[in-house]
Structures are given as structure tokens and as C-alpha cells.
Amino acid sequence: MHVGVLEYLAVATVVLFGSVVQGSIGVGLNMISAPFVAIIVPEALPATLVLLALPIAITTLLREHHAVDRVALPWMLAGAFPGTGVGLIIVGAADRNALSIIVGTTVLSGVILSVASPPVPTNRFTALMAGFISNLFGTASAVGGPPVALLFQHRTGPISRSTLGAFFFTSASLSIIGYIAAETITGDQVLFALTLVPVMAAGLWISRHLHVHVDGGWLRPAMLALSAIAGTAAILRAVL
């Protein structure tokens, strides 16, 4: 996997912005980054971004661990286990163009649902299904945020950030274990992820100063708009 200077800077920029968003609202790093990475360095998907999800998820959890939704989280994790298996099947079968379409479609679906749907009740069934679908797409394309984000989009910031952090840390760990077992992760993907960790950490630090603005409602629309553009671009790259 060859990554030139311009390609690295482009990926680093979207990872920085995605890290700011996820640190602020609990989701966004891979939802924003994956469509661009699918265009710029498709060989990096999905493992590179799933690896980056681990440290940012554990950090957002530790920041506000007292606010975790301890009723929904176990059911979300119960769904994540079978979702990982189905996602691994997709990873083994999909080529680069198919993966770009999966990424783009996943992101656009999440945006549409987030805008158009009424609040989703948080119960055992919805938590189980959100966990399953999230880690299916998270394992297959690194974009597992939309289903669980939809479930928590109307909850308070601390509950959303901490609960999603706990879920993403566990689900990303499951995905990485699956990649290793299926031999679908490469050393280049791991090294690329390591070079992006300082960028991710910088975005996470910046996000600490934005929590107060999240309640103003400006960050979520910006994230959804950028994600819609990026998802569309990823699909167009594959079909044109």
C-alpha cells in the first residue's frame, strides 16, 4: 500500500475533523473519514479506520463513564457479536468498488434516517438490532456509526458520548480479532493507522472545548451534510 504525501495529508485532514466530531457528539470519525479514504487510499479500508476507533472510543468512554446507559449497552453488544461474523463474510467477498458502494450507501442511509425518522425508542429490541447492524457495517466497511447514532441522537451529550464510546471500543475490538482470524488485516494498514494516531489525538483534544457548543445544534447538521457529500462521492467513484 503506497501513500504519497498529498494522500496522507488529505486523509489526515478528514481524520482530524472526524475526531473532533466524534469527541464532541460520540460518533463521526469513521462516518466522515471512510468515504474519503475509500476514494484516496481504498487499500486502507476497513482495518485502518477500525484500529483508529479503539483509542478514541475508550477515551470518550472514560471522560463521561458515569453517564453510560447500562440498560441499552449490553443488548447493543449482544447484537455486535453476530454482526461481526456477517461483516467478515462481506470483507472476504467484496472488491474495492463494492466496498466503496457499501461505505457510501451506509453513510447516506444513516444521514437519511437521522434527518427523516422520528426518535427511535431505546429498548432491548432496538438496542440489539442497532448493535447487530452497526457492527455488520463497521466490520465490513469501518462505518458502523449510523445505526447506533440514530438510536442515541436525541439523548443527552454525556449519555451518547459515553455509551457509544463503550460500544465502539468493544465492537472495534471484535472486528480486529475477526480480521486477524480471517487474515484480512495487513501490516501496512496497521502502520498507516499508527501514523494517524497523533492526528486523531489532536482532534480529540480540540473536541473537549466544543462540548458546550454541541447543545447549540450546529455540529450535527454540519456532520450530516459533509457525510452526505462524502457518501455520494464514494458511490460515484465506484460506478463511474
Protein backbone atom coordinates (compact mmCIF):
# COMPACT_ATOMS: atom_id res chain seq x y z
CA MET A 1 0.00 0.00 0.00
CA HIS A 2 1.61 3.25 -1.18
CA VAL A 3 0.53 6.53 0.40
CA GLY A 4 2.03 9.73 -1.00
CA VAL A 5 2.43 12.97 0.90
CA LEU A 6 -0.67 14.57 -0.60
CA GLU A 7 -2.74 11.45 0.02
CA TYR A 8 -1.58 11.31 3.64
CA LEU A 9 -2.36 14.98 4.23
CA ALA A 10 -5.83 14.55 2.74
CA VAL A 11 -6.58 11.53 4.92
CA ALA A 12 -5.11 13.23 7.99
CA THR A 13 -7.36 16.24 7.42
CA VAL A 14 -10.57 14.21 7.35
CA VAL A 15 -9.40 12.10 10.31
CA LEU A 16 -8.75 15.30 12.27
CA PHE A 17 -12.20 16.67 11.51
CA GLY A 18 -13.86 13.30 12.15
CA SER A 19 -12.08 13.03 15.50
CA VAL A 20 -13.32 16.48 16.51
CA VAL A 21 -16.87 15.48 15.64
CA GLN A 22 -16.72 12.12 17.42
CA GLY A 23 -15.15 13.62 20.50
CA SER A 24 -17.94 16.19 20.55
CA ILE A 25 -21.04 14.07 19.90
CA GLY A 26 -19.90 10.45 20.28
CA VAL A 27 -19.85 9.40 16.62
CA GLY A 28 -18.35 10.70 13.39
CA LEU A 29 -14.72 9.63 12.93
CA ASN A 30 -15.30 6.77 10.52
CA MET A 31 -18.63 8.06 9.21
CA ILE A 32 -16.81 11.14 7.91
CA SER A 33 -13.40 9.61 7.15
CA ALA A 34 -14.28 6.32 5.44
CA PRO A 35 -15.87 7.73 2.26
CA PHE A 36 -12.81 9.92 1.65
CA VAL A 37 -10.39 7.11 2.47
CA ALA A 38 -12.31 4.88 0.05
CA ILE A 39 -11.51 7.43 -2.64
CA ILE A 40 -7.92 8.31 -1.67
CA VAL A 41 -6.45 5.09 -0.21
CA PRO A 42 -9.01 2.30 -0.64
CA GLU A 43 -6.45 -0.32 0.39
CA ALA A 44 -6.56 1.09 3.92
CA LEU A 45 -10.17 0.03 4.46
CA PRO A 46 -11.57 -1.21 6.65
CA ALA A 47 -8.85 -2.13 9.16
CA THR A 48 -7.01 1.21 9.39
CA LEU A 49 -10.07 3.17 10.49
CA VAL A 50 -11.33 0.40 12.77
CA LEU A 51 -7.96 0.47 14.54
CA LEU A 52 -8.27 4.24 14.98
CA ALA A 53 -11.70 3.71 16.51
CA LEU A 54 -10.20 1.91 19.52
CA PRO A 55 -8.32 4.75 21.28
CA ILE A 56 -10.91 7.43 20.54
CA ALA A 57 -13.73 5.20 21.77
CA ILE A 58 -12.05 4.33 25.07
CA THR A 59 -11.20 8.00 25.65
CA THR A 60 -14.77 9.21 25.12
CA LEU A 61 -15.97 6.44 27.44
CA LEU A 62 -13.55 7.34 30.23
CA ARG A 63 -14.38 11.05 30.02
CA GLU A 64 -18.03 10.53 31.00
CA HIS A 65 -18.24 6.90 32.12
CA HIS A 66 -20.76 7.80 34.81
CA ALA A 67 -23.39 8.54 32.14
CA VAL A 68 -23.30 5.19 30.30
CA ASP A 69 -26.73 3.74 29.51
CA ARG A 70 -26.23 0.43 31.31
CA VAL A 71 -29.59 -0.92 30.12
CA ALA A 72 -29.09 -0.50 26.37
CA LEU A 73 -25.34 -1.21 26.20
CA PRO A 74 -25.44 -4.98 26.95
CA TRP A 75 -28.08 -5.51 24.26
CA MET A 76 -26.09 -3.47 21.75
CA LEU A 77 -23.04 -5.62 22.46
CA ALA A 78 -25.11 -8.80 22.17
CA GLY A 79 -26.02 -7.74 18.65
CA ALA A 80 -22.43 -6.83 17.80
CA PHE A 81 -21.16 -10.42 18.05
CA PRO A 82 -23.21 -11.92 15.19
CA GLY A 83 -22.84 -8.65 13.26
CA THR A 84 -19.08 -9.15 13.27
CA GLY A 85 -19.40 -12.57 11.62
CA VAL A 86 -21.63 -11.30 8.83
CA GLY A 87 -19.32 -8.32 8.29
CA LEU A 88 -16.30 -10.61 7.90
CA ILE A 89 -18.10 -12.52 5.16
CA ILE A 90 -18.63 -9.25 3.29
CA VAL A 91 -14.97 -8.25 3.72
CA GLY A 92 -13.86 -11.53 2.19
CA ALA A 93 -16.24 -11.27 -0.76
CA ALA A 94 -16.27 -7.59 -1.72
CA ASP A 95 -13.81 -5.92 -4.12
CA ARG A 96 -12.72 -2.27 -3.84
CA ASN A 97 -15.58 -0.87 -5.90
CA ALA A 98 -18.12 -2.90 -3.98
CA LEU A 99 -16.58 -1.73 -0.70
CA SER A 100 -16.83 1.90 -1.83
CA ILE A 101 -20.51 1.39 -2.63
CA ILE A 102 -21.06 -0.27 0.77
CA VAL A 103 -19.38 2.65 2.52
CA GLY A 104 -21.26 5.30 0.58
CA THR A 105 -24.63 3.59 0.87
CA THR A 106 -24.16 3.04 4.61
CA VAL A 107 -23.32 6.68 5.21
CA LEU A 108 -26.18 8.02 3.07
CA SER A 109 -28.65 5.66 4.74
CA GLY A 110 -27.56 6.90 8.14
CA VAL A 111 -27.91 10.53 7.08
CA ILE A 112 -31.38 10.00 5.63
CA LEU A 113 -32.59 8.10 8.67
CA SER A 114 -31.13 10.68 11.04
CA VAL A 115 -32.94 13.51 9.25
CA ALA A 116 -36.23 11.85 8.35
CA SER A 117 -37.07 9.48 11.18
CA PRO A 118 -38.78 10.29 14.47
CA PRO A 119 -36.93 9.49 17.68
CA VAL A 120 -36.27 5.74 17.99
CA PRO A 121 -37.25 4.32 21.38
CA THR A 122 -34.33 2.81 23.26
CA ASN A 123 -35.37 -0.69 24.34
CA ARG A 124 -33.94 -4.20 24.22
CA PHE A 125 -35.01 -4.89 20.65
CA THR A 126 -33.85 -1.60 19.13
CA ALA A 127 -30.55 -1.79 21.03
CA LEU A 128 -29.97 -5.38 19.85
CA MET A 129 -30.73 -4.54 16.21
CA ALA A 130 -28.68 -1.35 16.28
CA GLY A 131 -25.70 -3.27 17.67
CA PHE A 132 -26.04 -6.00 15.04
CA ILE A 133 -26.37 -3.68 12.04
CA SER A 134 -23.72 -1.32 13.36
CA ASN A 135 -21.01 -3.95 13.69
CA LEU A 136 -22.02 -5.67 10.46
CA PHE A 137 -21.26 -2.45 8.57
CA GLY A 138 -18.47 -1.47 10.94
CA THR A 139 -16.60 -4.71 10.27
CA ALA A 140 -17.30 -4.65 6.53
CA SER A 141 -16.59 -1.01 5.80
CA ALA A 142 -15.41 0.73 9.02
CA VAL A 143 -18.67 2.74 9.05
CA GLY A 144 -20.67 1.38 11.95
CA GLY A 145 -21.89 4.63 13.43
CA PRO A 146 -25.23 5.40 11.74
CA PRO A 147 -27.45 2.72 13.38
CA VAL A 148 -26.35 3.43 16.95
CA ALA A 149 -26.16 7.17 16.31
CA LEU A 150 -29.79 7.07 15.20
CA LEU A 151 -30.68 5.29 18.43
CA PHE A 152 -28.97 7.94 20.58
CA GLN A 153 -29.32 11.10 18.50
CA HIS A 154 -31.93 12.60 20.84
CA ARG A 155 -30.24 11.62 24.12
CA THR A 156 -28.06 14.00 26.13
CA GLY A 157 -24.43 14.54 25.14
CA PRO A 158 -22.84 12.69 28.09
CA ILE A 159 -25.10 9.63 27.65
CA SER A 160 -24.49 9.48 23.90
CA ARG A 161 -20.74 10.01 24.03
CA SER A 162 -20.05 7.57 26.86
CA THR A 163 -22.41 4.79 25.72
CA LEU A 164 -21.28 4.97 22.10
CA GLY A 165 -17.67 5.05 23.27
CA ALA A 166 -18.18 1.84 25.23
CA PHE A 167 -19.93 0.21 22.28
CA PHE A 168 -17.40 1.29 19.65
CA PHE A 169 -14.45 0.15 21.76
CA THR A 170 -15.91 -3.32 22.15
CA SER A 171 -17.23 -3.61 18.60
CA ALA A 172 -13.95 -2.40 17.08
CA SER A 173 -12.06 -4.94 19.22
CA LEU A 174 -14.33 -7.70 17.91
CA SER A 175 -13.73 -6.57 14.33
CA ILE A 176 -9.95 -6.52 14.74
CA ILE A 177 -9.96 -10.00 16.26
CA GLY A 178 -12.06 -11.13 13.31
CA TYR A 179 -9.68 -9.55 10.77
CA ILE A 180 -6.74 -11.32 12.38
CA ALA A 181 -8.54 -14.66 12.43
CA ALA A 182 -9.63 -14.26 8.80
CA GLU A 183 -6.19 -12.89 7.78
CA THR A 184 -7.73 -9.82 6.15
CA ILE A 185 -5.61 -7.23 8.02
CA THR A 186 -2.19 -6.19 6.71
CA GLY A 187 0.91 -4.69 8.27
CA ASP A 188 0.57 -1.64 6.02
CA GLN A 189 -2.91 -0.98 7.38
CA VAL A 190 -1.62 -1.18 10.95
CA LEU A 191 1.32 1.16 10.23
CA PHE A 192 -0.93 3.64 8.46
CA ALA A 193 -3.25 3.66 11.47
CA LEU A 194 -0.31 4.31 13.80
CA THR A 195 0.79 7.35 11.76
CA LEU A 196 -2.74 8.77 12.10
CA VAL A 197 -2.98 8.33 15.88
CA PRO A 198 -1.38 11.75 16.66
CA VAL A 199 -3.85 13.41 14.27
CA MET A 200 -6.75 11.62 15.92
CA ALA A 201 -5.47 12.61 19.37
CA ALA A 202 -5.26 16.27 18.30
CA GLY A 203 -8.87 16.18 17.10
CA LEU A 204 -9.96 14.57 20.35
CA TRP A 205 -8.22 17.28 22.36
CA ILE A 206 -9.91 20.01 20.31
CA SER A 207 -13.29 18.37 20.88
CA ARG A 208 -13.02 18.91 24.63
CA HIS A 209 -13.55 22.61 24.04
CA LEU A 210 -16.60 22.11 21.83
CA HIS A 211 -18.93 20.20 24.16
CA VAL A 212 -20.59 23.44 25.22
CA HIS A 213 -21.41 24.27 21.58
CA VAL A 214 -22.90 20.87 20.72
CA ASP A 215 -26.14 21.72 22.51
CA GLY A 216 -26.46 24.70 20.21
CA GLY A 217 -27.23 22.28 17.39
CA TRP A 218 -24.70 23.39 14.77
CA LEU A 219 -22.27 20.48 14.76
CA ARG A 220 -24.70 17.65 13.96
CA PRO A 221 -26.12 19.30 10.79
CA ALA A 222 -22.58 20.03 9.58
CA MET A 223 -21.56 16.42 10.14
CA LEU A 224 -24.63 15.11 8.33
CA ALA A 225 -24.10 17.43 5.36
CA LEU A 226 -20.42 16.52 5.00
CA SER A 227 -21.20 12.83 5.37
CA ALA A 228 -23.85 13.03 2.65
CA ILE A 229 -21.36 14.64 0.27
CA ALA A 230 -18.67 12.10 1.12
CA GLY A 231 -21.02 9.12 0.80
CA THR A 232 -22.19 10.30 -2.60
CA ALA A 233 -18.59 10.77 -3.73
CA ALA A 234 -17.65 7.25 -2.67
CA ILE A 235 -20.53 5.74 -4.68
CA LEU A 236 -19.73 7.86 -7.75
CA ARG A 237 -16.09 6.76 -7.59
CA ALA A 238 -17.16 3.13 -7.79
CA VAL A 239 -19.73 3.43 -10.57
CA LEU A 240 -18.08 5.96 -12.90
